């Protein structure tokens, strides 16, 4: 690979001091030659320095590019180049796997989703981190566990967070609603009052991410959990045929049937939902914290700057359980074979 242990370890330290919030990601490796000839290319594969290709989806928050600029200024011989992946998590995974399968050295440091950690580690598309590379004793145990495969740390946890419920605080106030809804029924009631306002003409009530990919899986999982159900049980067996799971699913199905969701929300990923809310088309939105920066923009690109707030996502009887967020640019990367 282009970088070795010293480079990677320094990158972790520098990045962690600049960025905020975060989830987990995965491992590191040696040169292509080392990876092919050495079954356990670990410690020796982290020596040396060189340029780095950082691979991630679009840097919506600007955190990654800011960190890269600072790193490059301080390390002119170890410059980082940002390689941008599509917004769709499924397409991101496909490109990462294709690069690994053809044994290309184009990708150096990967911003991996935690749900891919085991798959990439099992296929040796990423390599273990040295035992002393990351101070895991100072990290949240769950994030370390998510970056571990068969008792081996293959990723460096960077931050953790969860989905948020964005709402138009100005419209709630205009409708005389004192607090954001805590339940699905409260949200429906609030929308009836808000959408009757002249200033809410043409708006829709709510949108999450409902395109046919990981985004829909996350939203479905949250809906099931909010209704008291589970997608899988403690043994990993599917439990989506329970009454609770079906109730959670129907929250989403009925949302479209009853017109609570805009019809085009069936194609929404995170960015489509963000744009709809930012353009003043939604009263409520489920999305990740990284969109907050765009919604708060003061350059005229956001119609909701100063007009929105955030809280926990409503459920059937109270705030929903949250699904862990997939990484975004600014999250900590991983180093592949």
C-alpha atoms as a PDB file:
ATOM      1  CA  UNK A   1       0.000   0.000   0.000  1.00  0.00           C
ATOM      2  CA  UNK A   2       0.987   3.615  -0.229  1.00  0.00           C
ATOM      3  CA  UNK A   3       1.052   4.221   3.519  1.00  0.00           C
ATOM      4  CA  UNK A   4       2.245   2.287   6.516  1.00  0.00           C
ATOM      5  CA  UNK A   5       1.769   2.220  10.215  1.00  0.00           C
ATOM      6  CA  UNK A   6       3.345   5.561  11.087  1.00  0.00           C
ATOM      7  CA  UNK A   7       1.283   7.383   8.479  1.00  0.00           C
ATOM      8  CA  UNK A   8      -1.969   5.700   9.468  1.00  0.00           C
ATOM      9  CA  UNK A   9      -1.520   6.204  13.158  1.00  0.00           C
ATOM     10  CA  UNK A  10      -0.735   9.877  12.707  1.00  0.00           C
ATOM     11  CA  UNK A  11      -3.757  10.316  10.458  1.00  0.00           C
ATOM     12  CA  UNK A  12      -5.994   8.900  13.156  1.00  0.00           C
ATOM     13  CA  UNK A  13      -4.690  11.304  15.738  1.00  0.00           C
ATOM     14  CA  UNK A  14      -4.912  14.362  13.526  1.00  0.00           C
ATOM     15  CA  UNK A  15      -8.363  13.548  12.229  1.00  0.00           C
ATOM     16  CA  UNK A  16      -9.760  12.838  15.667  1.00  0.00           C
ATOM     17  CA  UNK A  17      -8.696  16.238  16.968  1.00  0.00           C
ATOM     18  CA  UNK A  18     -10.421  18.117  14.155  1.00  0.00           C
ATOM     19  CA  UNK A  19     -13.744  16.389  13.528  1.00  0.00           C
ATOM     20  CA  UNK A  20     -16.772  15.738  15.723  1.00  0.00           C
ATOM     21  CA  UNK A  21     -19.393  13.033  16.235  1.00  0.00           C
ATOM     22  CA  UNK A  22     -18.883   9.468  14.906  1.00  0.00           C
ATOM     23  CA  UNK A  23     -19.178   5.735  14.135  1.00  0.00           C
ATOM     24  CA  UNK A  24     -16.818   2.842  13.515  1.00  0.00           C
ATOM     25  CA  UNK A  25     -14.870   1.606  10.578  1.00  0.00           C
ATOM     26  CA  UNK A  26     -12.109  -0.887   9.705  1.00  0.00           C
ATOM     27  CA  UNK A  27      -8.555  -2.129   9.298  1.00  0.00           C
ATOM     28  CA  UNK A  28      -5.247  -1.686   7.519  1.00  0.00           C
ATOM     29  CA  UNK A  29      -2.725  -3.505   5.385  1.00  0.00           C
ATOM     30  CA  UNK A  30       0.558  -3.701   3.571  1.00  0.00           C
ATOM     31  CA  UNK A  31       1.647  -3.420  -0.018  1.00  0.00           C
ATOM     32  CA  UNK A  32      -0.058  -5.527  -2.632  1.00  0.00           C
ATOM     33  CA  UNK A  33       3.006  -7.776  -2.664  1.00  0.00           C
ATOM     34  CA  UNK A  34       3.027  -8.191   1.105  1.00  0.00           C
ATOM     35  CA  UNK A  35      -0.693  -8.932   1.210  1.00  0.00           C
ATOM     36  CA  UNK A  36      -0.385 -11.696  -1.397  1.00  0.00           C
ATOM     37  CA  UNK A  37       2.764 -13.365  -0.072  1.00  0.00           C
ATOM     38  CA  UNK A  38       2.242 -13.068   3.681  1.00  0.00           C
ATOM     39  CA  UNK A  39      -0.803 -14.816   5.206  1.00  0.00           C
ATOM     40  CA  UNK A  40      -0.703 -12.589   8.270  1.00  0.00           C
ATOM     41  CA  UNK A  41       0.488  -9.215   7.018  1.00  0.00           C
ATOM     42  CA  UNK A  42       0.073  -7.077  10.110  1.00  0.00           C
ATOM     43  CA  UNK A  43       2.900  -5.343  11.989  1.00  0.00           C
ATOM     44  CA  UNK A  44       5.392  -5.226   9.098  1.00  0.00           C
ATOM     45  CA  UNK A  45       2.751  -3.882   6.741  1.00  0.00           C
ATOM     46  CA  UNK A  46       2.447  -0.624   8.679  1.00  0.00           C
ATOM     47  CA  UNK A  47       5.939   0.671   8.058  1.00  0.00           C
ATOM     48  CA  UNK A  48       6.873   3.536   5.749  1.00  0.00           C
ATOM     49  CA  UNK A  49       5.107   6.598   4.371  1.00  0.00           C
ATOM     50  CA  UNK A  50       3.452   7.708   1.171  1.00  0.00           C
ATOM     51  CA  UNK A  51       0.401   9.330  -0.467  1.00  0.00           C
ATOM     52  CA  UNK A  52      -3.049   8.168   0.633  1.00  0.00           C
ATOM     53  CA  UNK A  53      -6.317   7.769  -1.281  1.00  0.00           C
ATOM     54  CA  UNK A  54      -9.226   8.318   1.103  1.00  0.00           C
ATOM     55  CA  UNK A  55     -12.399   6.664  -0.207  1.00  0.00           C
ATOM     56  CA  UNK A  56     -15.808   7.771   1.038  1.00  0.00           C
ATOM     57  CA  UNK A  57     -19.217   9.024   0.002  1.00  0.00           C
ATOM     58  CA  UNK A  58     -19.733  12.736  -0.597  1.00  0.00           C
ATOM     59  CA  UNK A  59     -18.494  15.083   2.104  1.00  0.00           C
ATOM     60  CA  UNK A  60     -21.833  16.745   2.839  1.00  0.00           C
ATOM     61  CA  UNK A  61     -20.697  18.297   6.117  1.00  0.00           C
ATOM     62  CA  UNK A  62     -17.311  19.505   4.886  1.00  0.00           C
ATOM     63  CA  UNK A  63     -15.571  17.869   7.857  1.00  0.00           C
ATOM     64  CA  UNK A  64     -13.538  15.428   5.784  1.00  0.00           C
ATOM     65  CA  UNK A  65     -12.200  17.991   3.343  1.00  0.00           C
ATOM     66  CA  UNK A  66     -11.262  20.331   6.185  1.00  0.00           C
ATOM     67  CA  UNK A  67      -9.339  17.547   7.900  1.00  0.00           C
ATOM     68  CA  UNK A  68      -7.654  16.519   4.641  1.00  0.00           C
ATOM     69  CA  UNK A  69      -6.552  20.104   3.943  1.00  0.00           C
ATOM     70  CA  UNK A  70      -5.000  20.377   7.404  1.00  0.00           C
ATOM     71  CA  UNK A  71      -3.310  16.995   7.049  1.00  0.00           C
ATOM     72  CA  UNK A  72      -1.907  17.787   3.623  1.00  0.00           C
ATOM     73  CA  UNK A  73      -0.538  21.114   4.806  1.00  0.00           C
ATOM     74  CA  UNK A  74       1.304  19.396   7.643  1.00  0.00           C
ATOM     75  CA  UNK A  75       2.373  16.308   5.658  1.00  0.00           C
ATOM     76  CA  UNK A  76       3.255  17.360   2.081  1.00  0.00           C
ATOM     77  CA  UNK A  77       4.877  13.979   1.332  1.00  0.00           C
ATOM     78  CA  UNK A  78       1.902  11.993   2.607  1.00  0.00           C
ATOM     79  CA  UNK A  79      -0.885  13.879   0.891  1.00  0.00           C
ATOM     80  CA  UNK A  80      -4.438  12.549   0.984  1.00  0.00           C
ATOM     81  CA  UNK A  81      -6.590  12.486  -2.158  1.00  0.00           C
ATOM     82  CA  UNK A  82     -10.357  12.254  -1.667  1.00  0.00           C
ATOM     83  CA  UNK A  83     -12.053   9.630  -3.878  1.00  0.00           C
ATOM     84  CA  UNK A  84     -15.804  10.224  -3.802  1.00  0.00           C
ATOM     85  CA  UNK A  85     -18.306   7.364  -3.890  1.00  0.00           C
ATOM     86  CA  UNK A  86     -22.032   7.598  -4.770  1.00  0.00           C
ATOM     87  CA  UNK A  87     -24.610   8.634  -2.155  1.00  0.00           C
ATOM     88  CA  UNK A  88     -26.243   5.199  -2.249  1.00  0.00           C
ATOM     89  CA  UNK A  89     -24.783   2.841   0.358  1.00  0.00           C
ATOM     90  CA  UNK A  90     -25.429  -0.142  -1.915  1.00  0.00           C
ATOM     91  CA  UNK A  91     -23.444   1.435  -4.743  1.00  0.00           C
ATOM     92  CA  UNK A  92     -20.662   2.381  -2.329  1.00  0.00           C
ATOM     93  CA  UNK A  93     -20.356  -1.218  -1.178  1.00  0.00           C
ATOM     94  CA  UNK A  94     -20.372  -2.488  -4.766  1.00  0.00           C
ATOM     95  CA  UNK A  95     -17.503  -0.214  -5.812  1.00  0.00           C
ATOM     96  CA  UNK A  96     -15.460  -1.060  -2.721  1.00  0.00           C
ATOM     97  CA  UNK A  97     -15.895  -4.788  -3.310  1.00  0.00           C
ATOM     98  CA  UNK A  98     -15.072  -4.528  -7.010  1.00  0.00           C
ATOM     99  CA  UNK A  99     -11.856  -2.664  -6.184  1.00  0.00           C
ATOM    100  CA  UNK A 100     -10.905  -5.346  -3.652  1.00  0.00           C
ATOM    101  CA  UNK A 101     -11.740  -8.260  -5.941  1.00  0.00           C
ATOM    102  CA  UNK A 102      -9.509  -7.023  -8.754  1.00  0.00           C
ATOM    103  CA  UNK A 103      -6.756  -6.428  -6.153  1.00  0.00           C
ATOM    104  CA  UNK A 104      -6.421  -2.785  -7.135  1.00  0.00           C
ATOM    105  CA  UNK A 105      -4.300  -0.491  -4.991  1.00  0.00           C
ATOM    106  CA  UNK A 106      -6.354   2.582  -5.966  1.00  0.00           C
ATOM    107  CA  UNK A 107      -8.184   2.644  -2.632  1.00  0.00           C
ATOM    108  CA  UNK A 108      -5.960   3.178   0.390  1.00  0.00           C
ATOM    109  CA  UNK A 109      -8.152   4.233   3.313  1.00  0.00           C
ATOM    110  CA  UNK A 110     -11.803   3.193   3.364  1.00  0.00           C
ATOM    111  CA  UNK A 111     -14.712   4.882   5.092  1.00  0.00           C
ATOM    112  CA  UNK A 112     -16.616   1.657   5.770  1.00  0.00           C
ATOM    113  CA  UNK A 113     -20.085   1.143   7.108  1.00  0.00           C
ATOM    114  CA  UNK A 114     -19.994  -0.830  10.362  1.00  0.00           C
ATOM    115  CA  UNK A 115     -22.375  -3.423   8.937  1.00  0.00           C
ATOM    116  CA  UNK A 116     -19.744  -4.324   6.334  1.00  0.00           C
ATOM    117  CA  UNK A 117     -16.889  -4.851   8.798  1.00  0.00           C
ATOM    118  CA  UNK A 118     -17.220  -8.632   9.133  1.00  0.00           C
ATOM    119  CA  UNK A 119     -17.758  -9.182   5.409  1.00  0.00           C
ATOM    120  CA  UNK A 120     -14.669  -7.194   4.430  1.00  0.00           C
ATOM    121  CA  UNK A 121     -12.531  -8.736   7.164  1.00  0.00           C
ATOM    122  CA  UNK A 122     -13.633 -12.305   6.377  1.00  0.00           C
ATOM    123  CA  UNK A 123     -12.716 -11.810   2.714  1.00  0.00           C
ATOM    124  CA  UNK A 124      -9.380 -10.204   3.672  1.00  0.00           C
ATOM    125  CA  UNK A 125     -10.303  -7.030   1.819  1.00  0.00           C
ATOM    126  CA  UNK A 126      -9.049  -5.199   4.906  1.00  0.00           C
ATOM    127  CA  UNK A 127      -6.350  -6.188   7.371  1.00  0.00           C
ATOM    128  CA  UNK A 128      -6.109  -6.088  11.188  1.00  0.00           C
ATOM    129  CA  UNK A 129      -4.799  -3.031  12.960  1.00  0.00           C
ATOM    130  CA  UNK A 130      -1.706  -3.446  15.142  1.00  0.00           C
ATOM    131  CA  UNK A 131      -2.562  -3.932  18.808  1.00  0.00           C
ATOM    132  CA  UNK A 132      -1.207  -0.517  19.760  1.00  0.00           C
ATOM    133  CA  UNK A 133      -2.682   1.463  16.846  1.00  0.00           C
ATOM    134  CA  UNK A 134      -5.872   2.638  18.549  1.00  0.00           C
ATOM    135  CA  UNK A 135      -6.467   3.409  22.275  1.00  0.00           C
ATOM    136  CA  UNK A 136      -9.639   1.312  22.500  1.00  0.00           C
ATOM    137  CA  UNK A 137      -9.704   1.495  26.307  1.00  0.00           C
ATOM    138  CA  UNK A 138     -10.822   5.125  25.967  1.00  0.00           C
ATOM    139  CA  UNK A 139     -13.631   4.376  23.527  1.00  0.00           C
ATOM    140  CA  UNK A 140     -17.274   3.357  23.831  1.00  0.00           C
ATOM    141  CA  UNK A 141     -17.227  -0.478  24.000  1.00  0.00           C
ATOM    142  CA  UNK A 142     -20.018  -0.896  21.434  1.00  0.00           C
ATOM    143  CA  UNK A 143     -18.074   1.035  18.795  1.00  0.00           C
ATOM    144  CA  UNK A 144     -14.980  -1.071  19.402  1.00  0.00           C
ATOM    145  CA  UNK A 145     -17.059  -4.235  19.134  1.00  0.00           C
ATOM    146  CA  UNK A 146     -18.502  -3.040  15.816  1.00  0.00           C
ATOM    147  CA  UNK A 147     -14.972  -2.626  14.467  1.00  0.00           C
ATOM    148  CA  UNK A 148     -13.824  -6.047  15.690  1.00  0.00           C
ATOM    149  CA  UNK A 149     -13.890  -9.317  13.767  1.00  0.00           C
ATOM    150  CA  UNK A 150     -13.203 -12.602  15.576  1.00  0.00           C
ATOM    151  CA  UNK A 151     -11.603 -10.820  18.516  1.00  0.00           C
ATOM    152  CA  UNK A 152      -9.331  -8.825  16.211  1.00  0.00           C
ATOM    153  CA  UNK A 153      -9.595  -5.062  15.743  1.00  0.00           C
ATOM    154  CA  UNK A 154      -9.903  -4.405  12.028  1.00  0.00           C
ATOM    155  CA  UNK A 155     -11.231  -0.853  12.260  1.00  0.00           C
ATOM    156  CA  UNK A 156     -10.761   2.383  14.136  1.00  0.00           C
ATOM    157  CA  UNK A 157     -13.925   3.687  15.822  1.00  0.00           C
ATOM    158  CA  UNK A 158     -14.289   7.411  15.267  1.00  0.00           C
ATOM    159  CA  UNK A 159     -17.733   8.486  16.419  1.00  0.00           C
ATOM    160  CA  UNK A 160     -21.232   7.250  17.065  1.00  0.00           C
ATOM    161  CA  UNK A 161     -24.643   8.854  16.742  1.00  0.00           C
ATOM    162  CA  UNK A 162     -28.208   8.131  15.735  1.00  0.00           C
ATOM    163  CA  UNK A 163     -31.027   9.396  13.578  1.00  0.00           C
ATOM    164  CA  UNK A 164     -32.782  12.638  14.482  1.00  0.00           C
ATOM    165  CA  UNK A 165     -36.277  14.054  14.018  1.00  0.00           C
ATOM    166  CA  UNK A 166     -36.088  17.429  12.299  1.00  0.00           C
ATOM    167  CA  UNK A 167     -39.139  19.677  12.558  1.00  0.00           C
ATOM    168  CA  UNK A 168     -40.224  23.137  11.484  1.00  0.00           C
ATOM    169  CA  UNK A 169     -40.305  24.932  14.804  1.00  0.00           C
ATOM    170  CA  UNK A 170     -41.684  28.088  13.192  1.00  0.00           C
ATOM    171  CA  UNK A 171     -44.697  26.248  11.811  1.00  0.00           C
ATOM    172  CA  UNK A 172     -45.375  24.433  15.082  1.00  0.00           C
ATOM    173  CA  UNK A 173     -45.410  27.821  16.808  1.00  0.00           C
ATOM    174  CA  UNK A 174     -47.684  29.297  14.143  1.00  0.00           C
ATOM    175  CA  UNK A 175     -50.133  26.418  14.651  1.00  0.00           C
ATOM    176  CA  UNK A 176     -50.080  26.874  18.439  1.00  0.00           C
ATOM    177  CA  UNK A 177     -48.308  23.560  19.072  1.00  0.00           C
ATOM    178  CA  UNK A 178     -46.159  23.874  22.195  1.00  0.00           C
ATOM    179  CA  UNK A 179     -43.869  20.863  21.719  1.00  0.00           C
ATOM    180  CA  UNK A 180     -42.806  18.500  18.922  1.00  0.00           C
ATOM    181  CA  UNK A 181     -44.714  15.200  18.699  1.00  0.00           C
ATOM    182  CA  UNK A 182     -43.490  12.210  20.692  1.00  0.00           C
ATOM    183  CA  UNK A 183     -45.748   9.654  19.020  1.00  0.00           C
ATOM    184  CA  UNK A 184     -46.851   8.879  15.483  1.00  0.00           C
ATOM    185  CA  UNK A 185     -50.432   9.872  16.268  1.00  0.00           C
ATOM    186  CA  UNK A 186     -49.288  13.185  17.714  1.00  0.00           C
ATOM    187  CA  UNK A 187     -47.371  13.842  14.506  1.00  0.00           C
ATOM    188  CA  UNK A 188     -50.473  13.176  12.409  1.00  0.00           C
ATOM    189  CA  UNK A 189     -52.514  15.555  14.550  1.00  0.00           C
ATOM    190  CA  UNK A 190     -49.837  18.232  14.353  1.00  0.00           C
ATOM    191  CA  UNK A 191     -49.652  17.919  10.578  1.00  0.00           C
ATOM    192  CA  UNK A 192     -53.391  18.467  10.188  1.00  0.00           C
ATOM    193  CA  UNK A 193     -53.111  21.800  11.966  1.00  0.00           C
ATOM    194  CA  UNK A 194     -49.862  22.879  10.323  1.00  0.00           C
ATOM    195  CA  UNK A 195     -50.774  21.958   6.748  1.00  0.00           C
ATOM    196  CA  UNK A 196     -53.946  24.032   7.086  1.00  0.00           C
ATOM    197  CA  UNK A 197     -51.810  27.156   7.504  1.00  0.00           C
ATOM    198  CA  UNK A 198     -51.420  29.401   4.434  1.00  0.00           C
ATOM    199  CA  UNK A 199     -47.623  29.414   4.869  1.00  0.00           C
ATOM    200  CA  UNK A 200     -47.604  25.594   4.683  1.00  0.00           C
ATOM    201  CA  UNK A 201     -49.379  25.380   1.344  1.00  0.00           C
ATOM    202  CA  UNK A 202     -48.004  22.601  -0.851  1.00  0.00           C
ATOM    203  CA  UNK A 203     -45.994  20.986   1.952  1.00  0.00           C
ATOM    204  CA  UNK A 204     -46.059  17.342   3.025  1.00  0.00           C
ATOM    205  CA  UNK A 205     -46.104  16.018   6.573  1.00  0.00           C
ATOM    206  CA  UNK A 206     -43.117  13.692   6.901  1.00  0.00           C
ATOM    207  CA  UNK A 207     -40.398  11.819   5.060  1.00  0.00           C
ATOM    208  CA  UNK A 208     -37.653   9.421   5.936  1.00  0.00           C
ATOM    209  CA  UNK A 209     -35.527   7.410   3.502  1.00  0.00           C
ATOM    210  CA  UNK A 210     -37.583   4.838   1.639  1.00  0.00           C
ATOM    211  CA  UNK A 211     -35.612   3.946  -1.472  1.00  0.00           C
ATOM    212  CA  UNK A 212     -35.014   0.227  -2.025  1.00  0.00           C
ATOM    213  CA  UNK A 213     -31.618  -0.079  -0.383  1.00  0.00           C
ATOM    214  CA  UNK A 214     -29.993   0.171   3.026  1.00  0.00           C
ATOM    215  CA  UNK A 215     -31.845   3.411   3.752  1.00  0.00           C
ATOM    216  CA  UNK A 216     -35.206   1.618   3.682  1.00  0.00           C
ATOM    217  CA  UNK A 217     -33.817  -1.200   5.843  1.00  0.00           C
ATOM    218  CA  UNK A 218     -32.794   1.313   8.505  1.00  0.00           C
ATOM    219  CA  UNK A 219     -36.133   3.134   8.468  1.00  0.00           C
ATOM    220  CA  UNK A 220     -38.010  -0.169   8.586  1.00  0.00           C
ATOM    221  CA  UNK A 221     -35.898  -1.414  11.497  1.00  0.00           C
ATOM    222  CA  UNK A 222     -36.599   1.771  13.458  1.00  0.00           C
ATOM    223  CA  UNK A 223     -40.329   1.537  12.770  1.00  0.00           C
ATOM    224  CA  UNK A 224     -40.416  -2.078  13.947  1.00  0.00           C
ATOM    225  CA  UNK A 225     -38.460  -1.224  17.092  1.00  0.00           C
ATOM    226  CA  UNK A 226     -40.753   1.714  17.847  1.00  0.00           C
ATOM    227  CA  UNK A 227     -43.708  -0.684  17.804  1.00  0.00           C
ATOM    228  CA  UNK A 228     -41.981  -2.995  20.274  1.00  0.00           C
ATOM    229  CA  UNK A 229     -40.751  -5.504  17.717  1.00  0.00           C
ATOM    230  CA  UNK A 230     -37.397  -6.799  16.472  1.00  0.00           C
ATOM    231  CA  UNK A 231     -36.055  -7.649  13.038  1.00  0.00           C
ATOM    232  CA  UNK A 232     -34.009 -10.535  14.489  1.00  0.00           C
ATOM    233  CA  UNK A 233     -33.961 -12.155  17.918  1.00  0.00           C
ATOM    234  CA  UNK A 234     -31.006 -12.694  20.270  1.00  0.00           C
ATOM    235  CA  UNK A 235     -29.972 -15.756  18.231  1.00  0.00           C
ATOM    236  CA  UNK A 236     -30.009 -13.851  14.941  1.00  0.00           C
ATOM    237  CA  UNK A 237     -33.201 -15.486  13.669  1.00  0.00           C
ATOM    238  CA  UNK A 238     -35.679 -13.313  11.722  1.00  0.00           C
ATOM    239  CA  UNK A 239     -38.708 -12.137  13.697  1.00  0.00           C
ATOM    240  CA  UNK A 240     -40.406  -9.916  11.138  1.00  0.00           C
ATOM    241  CA  UNK A 241     -43.640 -11.911  11.188  1.00  0.00           C
ATOM    242  CA  UNK A 242     -44.646 -10.843  14.697  1.00  0.00           C
ATOM    243  CA  UNK A 243     -47.595  -8.562  15.402  1.00  0.00           C
ATOM    244  CA  UNK A 244     -45.223  -5.847  16.586  1.00  0.00           C
ATOM    245  CA  UNK A 245     -43.085  -6.036  13.447  1.00  0.00           C
ATOM    246  CA  UNK A 246     -46.153  -5.869  11.224  1.00  0.00           C
ATOM    247  CA  UNK A 247     -47.436  -2.881  13.188  1.00  0.00           C
ATOM    248  CA  UNK A 248     -44.145  -1.104  12.601  1.00  0.00           C
ATOM    249  CA  UNK A 249     -44.257  -1.879   8.883  1.00  0.00           C
ATOM    250  CA  UNK A 250     -47.801  -0.560   8.639  1.00  0.00           C
ATOM    251  CA  UNK A 251     -46.675   2.777  10.051  1.00  0.00           C
ATOM    252  CA  UNK A 252     -44.702   3.245   6.861  1.00  0.00           C
ATOM    253  CA  UNK A 253     -47.247   1.674   4.521  1.00  0.00           C
ATOM    254  CA  UNK A 254     -50.083   3.774   5.924  1.00  0.00           C
ATOM    255  CA  UNK A 255     -47.911   6.873   5.738  1.00  0.00           C
ATOM    256  CA  UNK A 256     -48.012   6.619   1.956  1.00  0.00           C
ATOM    257  CA  UNK A 257     -51.638   5.474   1.778  1.00  0.00           C
ATOM    258  CA  UNK A 258     -52.839   8.345   3.943  1.00  0.00           C
ATOM    259  CA  UNK A 259     -50.766  10.940   2.132  1.00  0.00           C
ATOM    260  CA  UNK A 260     -48.584  11.774   5.130  1.00  0.00           C
ATOM    261  CA  UNK A 261     -45.490  11.134   3.012  1.00  0.00           C
ATOM    262  CA  UNK A 262     -44.897  12.801  -0.363  1.00  0.00           C
ATOM    263  CA  UNK A 263     -45.287  10.210  -3.098  1.00  0.00           C
ATOM    264  CA  UNK A 264     -41.731  10.687  -4.342  1.00  0.00           C
ATOM    265  CA  UNK A 265     -40.374   9.820  -0.876  1.00  0.00           C
ATOM    266  CA  UNK A 266     -40.426   6.218  -2.085  1.00  0.00           C
ATOM    267  CA  UNK A 267     -37.172   7.137  -3.885  1.00  0.00           C
ATOM    268  CA  UNK A 268     -35.584   9.142  -1.055  1.00  0.00           C
ATOM    269  CA  UNK A 269     -32.078   8.534   0.213  1.00  0.00           C
ATOM    270  CA  UNK A 270     -30.578  10.828   2.853  1.00  0.00           C
ATOM    271  CA  UNK A 271     -29.782  13.601   0.390  1.00  0.00           C
ATOM    272  CA  UNK A 272     -33.195  13.651  -1.287  1.00  0.00           C
ATOM    273  CA  UNK A 273     -34.869  13.961   2.118  1.00  0.00           C
ATOM    274  CA  UNK A 274     -32.436  16.659   3.165  1.00  0.00           C
ATOM    275  CA  UNK A 275     -33.124  18.685   0.025  1.00  0.00           C
ATOM    276  CA  UNK A 276     -36.902  18.375   0.423  1.00  0.00           C
ATOM    277  CA  UNK A 277     -36.768  19.633   4.002  1.00  0.00           C
ATOM    278  CA  UNK A 278     -34.199  22.300   3.181  1.00  0.00           C
ATOM    279  CA  UNK A 279     -36.376  23.575   0.326  1.00  0.00           C
ATOM    280  CA  UNK A 280     -39.351  23.943   2.665  1.00  0.00           C
ATOM    281  CA  UNK A 281     -41.356  20.989   1.373  1.00  0.00           C
ATOM    282  CA  UNK A 282     -41.592  18.988   4.626  1.00  0.00           C
ATOM    283  CA  UNK A 283     -42.818  19.716   8.137  1.00  0.00           C
ATOM    284  CA  UNK A 284     -41.023  16.730   9.694  1.00  0.00           C
ATOM    285  CA  UNK A 285     -38.053  14.653   8.571  1.00  0.00           C
ATOM    286  CA  UNK A 286     -36.080  11.675   9.842  1.00  0.00           C
ATOM    287  CA  UNK A 287     -32.404  11.973   8.938  1.00  0.00           C
ATOM    288  CA  UNK A 288     -28.862  11.864  10.318  1.00  0.00           C
ATOM    289  CA  UNK A 289     -27.016  14.652  12.183  1.00  0.00           C
ATOM    290  CA  UNK A 290     -24.704  15.396   9.239  1.00  0.00           C
ATOM    291  CA  UNK A 291     -27.505  17.202   7.346  1.00  0.00           C
ATOM    292  CA  UNK A 292     -27.789  19.800  10.120  1.00  0.00           C
ATOM    293  CA  UNK A 293     -24.952  21.855   8.642  1.00  0.00           C
ATOM    294  CA  UNK A 294     -26.649  22.144   5.249  1.00  0.00           C
ATOM    295  CA  UNK A 295     -30.001  23.024   6.796  1.00  0.00           C
ATOM    296  CA  UNK A 296     -28.314  25.764   8.828  1.00  0.00           C
ATOM    297  CA  UNK A 297     -26.490  27.315   5.866  1.00  0.00           C
ATOM    298  CA  UNK A 298     -26.580  31.121   5.834  1.00  0.00           C
ATOM    299  CA  UNK A 299     -25.608  31.550   2.175  1.00  0.00           C
ATOM    300  CA  UNK A 300     -29.192  31.497   0.932  1.00  0.00           C
ATOM    301  CA  UNK A 301     -29.177  27.805  -0.027  1.00  0.00           C
ATOM    302  CA  UNK A 302     -31.443  26.818   2.895  1.00  0.00           C
ATOM    303  CA  UNK A 303     -35.002  28.051   3.267  1.00  0.00           C
ATOM    304  CA  UNK A 304     -35.212  26.650   6.798  1.00  0.00           C
ATOM    305  CA  UNK A 305     -32.177  28.238   8.440  1.00  0.00           C
ATOM    306  CA  UNK A 306     -33.317  29.419  11.881  1.00  0.00           C
ATOM    307  CA  UNK A 307     -36.735  27.843  11.369  1.00  0.00           C
ATOM    308  CA  UNK A 308     -36.146  24.238  12.453  1.00  0.00           C
ATOM    309  CA  UNK A 309     -35.153  22.222  15.477  1.00  0.00           C
ATOM    310  CA  UNK A 310     -34.401  18.589  16.347  1.00  0.00           C
ATOM    311  CA  UNK A 311     -35.659  15.992  18.804  1.00  0.00           C
ATOM    312  CA  UNK A 312     -36.113  12.222  19.171  1.00  0.00           C
ATOM    313  CA  UNK A 313     -37.997  10.365  16.447  1.00  0.00           C
ATOM    314  CA  UNK A 314     -41.644   9.627  17.375  1.00  0.00           C
ATOM    315  CA  UNK A 315     -42.817   6.053  17.887  1.00  0.00           C
ATOM    316  CA  UNK A 316     -46.104   4.340  18.626  1.00  0.00           C
ATOM    317  CA  UNK A 317     -46.088   5.026  22.374  1.00  0.00           C
ATOM    318  CA  UNK A 318     -43.154   7.408  22.670  1.00  0.00           C
ATOM    319  CA  UNK A 319     -39.823   8.276  21.026  1.00  0.00           C
ATOM    320  CA  UNK A 320     -38.463   5.559  18.733  1.00  0.00           C
ATOM    321  CA  UNK A 321     -35.417   3.489  19.341  1.00  0.00           C
ATOM    322  CA  UNK A 322     -32.701   4.705  17.038  1.00  0.00           C
ATOM    323  CA  UNK A 323     -30.764   2.801  14.428  1.00  0.00           C
ATOM    324  CA  UNK A 324     -26.967   3.339  14.393  1.00  0.00           C
ATOM    325  CA  UNK A 325     -25.917   5.666  11.635  1.00  0.00           C
ATOM    326  CA  UNK A 326     -23.878   4.590   8.640  1.00  0.00           C
ATOM    327  CA  UNK A 327     -20.682   6.551   8.261  1.00  0.00           C
ATOM    328  CA  UNK A 328     -20.342   9.792   6.393  1.00  0.00           C
ATOM    329  CA  UNK A 329     -17.294  11.729   5.227  1.00  0.00           C
ATOM    330  CA  UNK A 330     -15.440  12.885   8.272  1.00  0.00           C
ATOM    331  CA  UNK A 331     -15.872   9.474   9.883  1.00  0.00           C
ATOM    332  CA  UNK A 332     -12.748   7.460  10.466  1.00  0.00           C
ATOM    333  CA  UNK A 333     -11.446   5.431   7.498  1.00  0.00           C
ATOM    334  CA  UNK A 334      -9.933   2.040   7.065  1.00  0.00           C
ATOM    335  CA  UNK A 335      -6.929   0.753   5.257  1.00  0.00           C
ATOM    336  CA  UNK A 336      -7.467  -2.193   2.847  1.00  0.00           C
ATOM    337  CA  UNK A 337      -5.053  -4.805   1.543  1.00  0.00           C
END
